[in-house]
Amino acid sequence: MKLLSLPNMLPHFFSFENKSNAYPLSNLLSTGAGILSNYFFSIRYVFERGKHSRRKEFVLFFSLSIITMFMSWGAFAFFHFFVNKPINFYFYTIGDIVFCKAAAIFAVSIINYIAKKKIVFSN
């Protein structure tokens, strides 16, 4: 076993952490780490602090991140309802799942930025 290899270590300690269950603990940890790092990078490089206290700002940021994560799943399902075959360009074929995921990420990223700018970091 590799030293500090979470995919190999977690199933050893947590029997539910496996491929058939879609690695729930790993997904939870990675989503939490992503939201936390996104918050600190947003404060440092993107937005200026708004009118809210740090605690309220973080709760709003975290809540919006969770809401937009669910919106991303919904947007993917919406796009995949209409685009369910690979898209064949003249020189390249892109899979329907890849296309729908990219479209959902693009749409939700714009919504995410605007919501955080207007709600969390507004003056």
C-alpha atoms as a PDB file:
ATOM      1  CA  MET A   1       0.000   0.000   0.000  1.00  0.00           C
ATOM      2  CA  LYS A   2       1.244   3.480  -0.870  1.00  0.00           C
ATOM      3  CA  LEU A   3       1.947   5.782   2.012  1.00  0.00           C
ATOM      4  CA  LEU A   4      -0.871   8.343   2.468  1.00  0.00           C
ATOM      5  CA  SER A   5      -2.919   7.036  -0.447  1.00  0.00           C
ATOM      6  CA  LEU A   6      -6.477   7.945   0.583  1.00  0.00           C
ATOM      7  CA  PRO A   7      -8.222   5.786  -2.044  1.00  0.00           C
ATOM      8  CA  ASN A   8      -6.427   2.779  -0.565  1.00  0.00           C
ATOM      9  CA  MET A   9      -6.556   3.806   3.103  1.00  0.00           C
ATOM     10  CA  LEU A  10     -10.156   4.997   3.549  1.00  0.00           C
ATOM     11  CA  PRO A  11     -11.859   1.713   2.524  1.00  0.00           C
ATOM     12  CA  HIS A  12      -9.647  -0.043   5.050  1.00  0.00           C
ATOM     13  CA  PHE A  13     -11.050   2.105   7.888  1.00  0.00           C
ATOM     14  CA  PHE A  14     -14.546   2.845   6.524  1.00  0.00           C
ATOM     15  CA  SER A  15     -16.260  -0.096   4.846  1.00  0.00           C
ATOM     16  CA  PHE A  16     -18.837   2.119   3.100  1.00  0.00           C
ATOM     17  CA  GLU A  17     -16.081   4.059   1.280  1.00  0.00           C
ATOM     18  CA  ASN A  18     -15.900   2.119  -1.987  1.00  0.00           C
ATOM     19  CA  LYS A  19     -16.544   2.447  -5.697  1.00  0.00           C
ATOM     20  CA  SER A  20     -20.036   0.958  -5.581  1.00  0.00           C
ATOM     21  CA  ASN A  21     -21.068   3.672  -3.090  1.00  0.00           C
ATOM     22  CA  ALA A  22     -19.318   6.403  -5.159  1.00  0.00           C
ATOM     23  CA  TYR A  23     -16.806   7.182  -2.385  1.00  0.00           C
ATOM     24  CA  PRO A  24     -19.101   9.371  -0.220  1.00  0.00           C
ATOM     25  CA  LEU A  25     -16.516  10.364   2.397  1.00  0.00           C
ATOM     26  CA  SER A  26     -13.953  11.290  -0.251  1.00  0.00           C
ATOM     27  CA  ASN A  27     -16.549  13.380  -2.088  1.00  0.00           C
ATOM     28  CA  LEU A  28     -17.560  15.130   1.121  1.00  0.00           C
ATOM     29  CA  LEU A  29     -13.957  15.899   2.070  1.00  0.00           C
ATOM     30  CA  SER A  30     -13.005  17.116  -1.405  1.00  0.00           C
ATOM     31  CA  THR A  31     -16.122  19.290  -1.720  1.00  0.00           C
ATOM     32  CA  GLY A  32     -15.462  20.831   1.692  1.00  0.00           C
ATOM     33  CA  ALA A  33     -11.811  21.467   0.847  1.00  0.00           C
ATOM     34  CA  GLY A  34     -12.814  22.981  -2.498  1.00  0.00           C
ATOM     35  CA  ILE A  35     -15.355  25.348  -0.932  1.00  0.00           C
ATOM     36  CA  LEU A  36     -12.921  26.357   1.813  1.00  0.00           C
ATOM     37  CA  SER A  37     -10.075  27.081  -0.613  1.00  0.00           C
ATOM     38  CA  ASN A  38     -12.490  28.875  -2.963  1.00  0.00           C
ATOM     39  CA  TYR A  39     -13.565  31.109  -0.060  1.00  0.00           C
ATOM     40  CA  PHE A  40     -10.004  32.095   0.853  1.00  0.00           C
ATOM     41  CA  PHE A  41      -8.958  32.655  -2.776  1.00  0.00           C
ATOM     42  CA  SER A  42     -12.113  34.692  -3.402  1.00  0.00           C
ATOM     43  CA  ILE A  43     -11.344  36.946  -0.438  1.00  0.00           C
ATOM     44  CA  ARG A  44      -7.685  37.274  -1.363  1.00  0.00           C
ATOM     45  CA  TYR A  45      -7.829  37.729  -5.140  1.00  0.00           C
ATOM     46  CA  VAL A  46     -11.372  38.278  -6.441  1.00  0.00           C
ATOM     47  CA  PHE A  47     -13.706  40.124  -4.092  1.00  0.00           C
ATOM     48  CA  GLU A  48     -13.439  42.792  -1.433  1.00  0.00           C
ATOM     49  CA  ARG A  49     -15.053  42.177   1.912  1.00  0.00           C
ATOM     50  CA  GLY A  50     -18.703  43.117   2.018  1.00  0.00           C
ATOM     51  CA  LYS A  51     -20.979  44.472   4.705  1.00  0.00           C
ATOM     52  CA  HIS A  52     -21.351  41.164   6.566  1.00  0.00           C
ATOM     53  CA  SER A  53     -19.346  39.835   9.489  1.00  0.00           C
ATOM     54  CA  ARG A  54     -16.782  37.157   8.673  1.00  0.00           C
ATOM     55  CA  ARG A  55     -18.974  34.429  10.134  1.00  0.00           C
ATOM     56  CA  LYS A  56     -22.093  35.480   8.231  1.00  0.00           C
ATOM     57  CA  GLU A  57     -20.031  35.975   5.076  1.00  0.00           C
ATOM     58  CA  PHE A  58     -18.652  32.437   5.319  1.00  0.00           C
ATOM     59  CA  VAL A  59     -22.084  30.918   6.019  1.00  0.00           C
ATOM     60  CA  LEU A  60     -23.562  32.758   3.017  1.00  0.00           C
ATOM     61  CA  PHE A  61     -20.613  31.725   0.837  1.00  0.00           C
ATOM     62  CA  PHE A  62     -20.876  28.086   1.928  1.00  0.00           C
ATOM     63  CA  SER A  63     -24.661  28.029   1.483  1.00  0.00           C
ATOM     64  CA  LEU A  64     -24.450  29.519  -2.005  1.00  0.00           C
ATOM     65  CA  SER A  65     -21.745  27.005  -2.916  1.00  0.00           C
ATOM     66  CA  ILE A  66     -23.957  24.090  -1.868  1.00  0.00           C
ATOM     67  CA  ILE A  67     -26.976  25.553  -3.688  1.00  0.00           C
ATOM     68  CA  THR A  68     -24.988  26.066  -6.888  1.00  0.00           C
ATOM     69  CA  MET A  69     -23.585  22.542  -6.602  1.00  0.00           C
ATOM     70  CA  PHE A  70     -27.147  21.204  -6.712  1.00  0.00           C
ATOM     71  CA  MET A  71     -27.914  23.628  -9.541  1.00  0.00           C
ATOM     72  CA  SER A  72     -24.974  22.140 -11.443  1.00  0.00           C
ATOM     73  CA  TRP A  73     -26.442  18.660 -11.108  1.00  0.00           C
ATOM     74  CA  GLY A  74     -29.818  19.973 -12.261  1.00  0.00           C
ATOM     75  CA  ALA A  75     -28.296  21.870 -15.182  1.00  0.00           C
ATOM     76  CA  PHE A  76     -26.429  18.743 -16.248  1.00  0.00           C
ATOM     77  CA  ALA A  77     -29.656  16.728 -16.191  1.00  0.00           C
ATOM     78  CA  PHE A  78     -31.430  19.491 -18.125  1.00  0.00           C
ATOM     79  CA  PHE A  79     -28.752  19.671 -20.836  1.00  0.00           C
ATOM     80  CA  HIS A  80     -28.478  15.897 -21.024  1.00  0.00           C
ATOM     81  CA  PHE A  81     -32.239  15.652 -21.607  1.00  0.00           C
ATOM     82  CA  PHE A  82     -31.779  17.586 -24.864  1.00  0.00           C
ATOM     83  CA  VAL A  83     -28.290  16.434 -25.876  1.00  0.00           C
ATOM     84  CA  ASN A  84     -28.109  12.661 -25.482  1.00  0.00           C
ATOM     85  CA  LYS A  85     -25.899  11.681 -28.405  1.00  0.00           C
ATOM     86  CA  PRO A  86     -22.261  12.525 -29.105  1.00  0.00           C
ATOM     87  CA  ILE A  87     -21.780  15.754 -31.052  1.00  0.00           C
ATOM     88  CA  ASN A  88     -19.846  15.154 -34.243  1.00  0.00           C
ATOM     89  CA  PHE A  89     -17.751  18.085 -35.446  1.00  0.00           C
ATOM     90  CA  TYR A  90     -15.924  17.795 -38.738  1.00  0.00           C
ATOM     91  CA  PHE A  91     -12.599  17.006 -37.083  1.00  0.00           C
ATOM     92  CA  TYR A  92     -13.615  15.926 -33.587  1.00  0.00           C
ATOM     93  CA  THR A  93     -16.443  14.151 -31.796  1.00  0.00           C
ATOM     94  CA  ILE A  94     -17.309  15.267 -28.292  1.00  0.00           C
ATOM     95  CA  GLY A  95     -19.257  12.995 -25.981  1.00  0.00           C
ATOM     96  CA  ASP A  96     -22.690  14.061 -24.848  1.00  0.00           C
ATOM     97  CA  ILE A  97     -21.790  13.724 -21.173  1.00  0.00           C
ATOM     98  CA  VAL A  98     -18.650  15.831 -21.564  1.00  0.00           C
ATOM     99  CA  PHE A  99     -20.573  18.494 -23.490  1.00  0.00           C
ATOM    100  CA  CYS A 100     -23.430  18.604 -20.972  1.00  0.00           C
ATOM    101  CA  LYS A 101     -21.054  18.739 -18.013  1.00  0.00           C
ATOM    102  CA  ALA A 102     -19.070  21.589 -19.609  1.00  0.00           C
ATOM    103  CA  ALA A 103     -22.277  23.506 -20.410  1.00  0.00           C
ATOM    104  CA  ALA A 104     -23.544  23.035 -16.848  1.00  0.00           C
ATOM    105  CA  ILE A 105     -20.224  24.164 -15.353  1.00  0.00           C
ATOM    106  CA  PHE A 106     -20.150  27.240 -17.592  1.00  0.00           C
ATOM    107  CA  ALA A 107     -23.737  28.262 -16.795  1.00  0.00           C
ATOM    108  CA  VAL A 108     -23.486  27.644 -13.057  1.00  0.00           C
ATOM    109  CA  SER A 109     -20.085  29.379 -12.809  1.00  0.00           C
ATOM    110  CA  ILE A 110     -21.632  32.591 -14.101  1.00  0.00           C
ATOM    111  CA  ILE A 111     -24.592  32.276 -11.725  1.00  0.00           C
ATOM    112  CA  ASN A 112     -22.215  31.445  -8.852  1.00  0.00           C
ATOM    113  CA  TYR A 113     -20.028  34.509  -9.482  1.00  0.00           C
ATOM    114  CA  ILE A 114     -22.981  36.905  -9.772  1.00  0.00           C
ATOM    115  CA  ALA A 115     -24.695  35.513  -6.663  1.00  0.00           C
ATOM    116  CA  LYS A 116     -21.557  35.757  -4.551  1.00  0.00           C
ATOM    117  CA  LYS A 117     -20.818  39.261  -5.839  1.00  0.00           C
ATOM    118  CA  LYS A 118     -24.369  40.526  -5.158  1.00  0.00           C
ATOM    119  CA  ILE A 119     -25.225  38.608  -1.971  1.00  0.00           C
ATOM    120  CA  VAL A 120     -22.038  37.746  -0.085  1.00  0.00           C
ATOM    121  CA  PHE A 121     -19.569  40.470  -1.017  1.00  0.00           C
ATOM    122  CA  SER A 122     -21.937  43.382  -1.645  1.00  0.00           C
ATOM    123  CA  ASN A 123     -21.224  46.758  -0.102  1.00  0.00           C
END
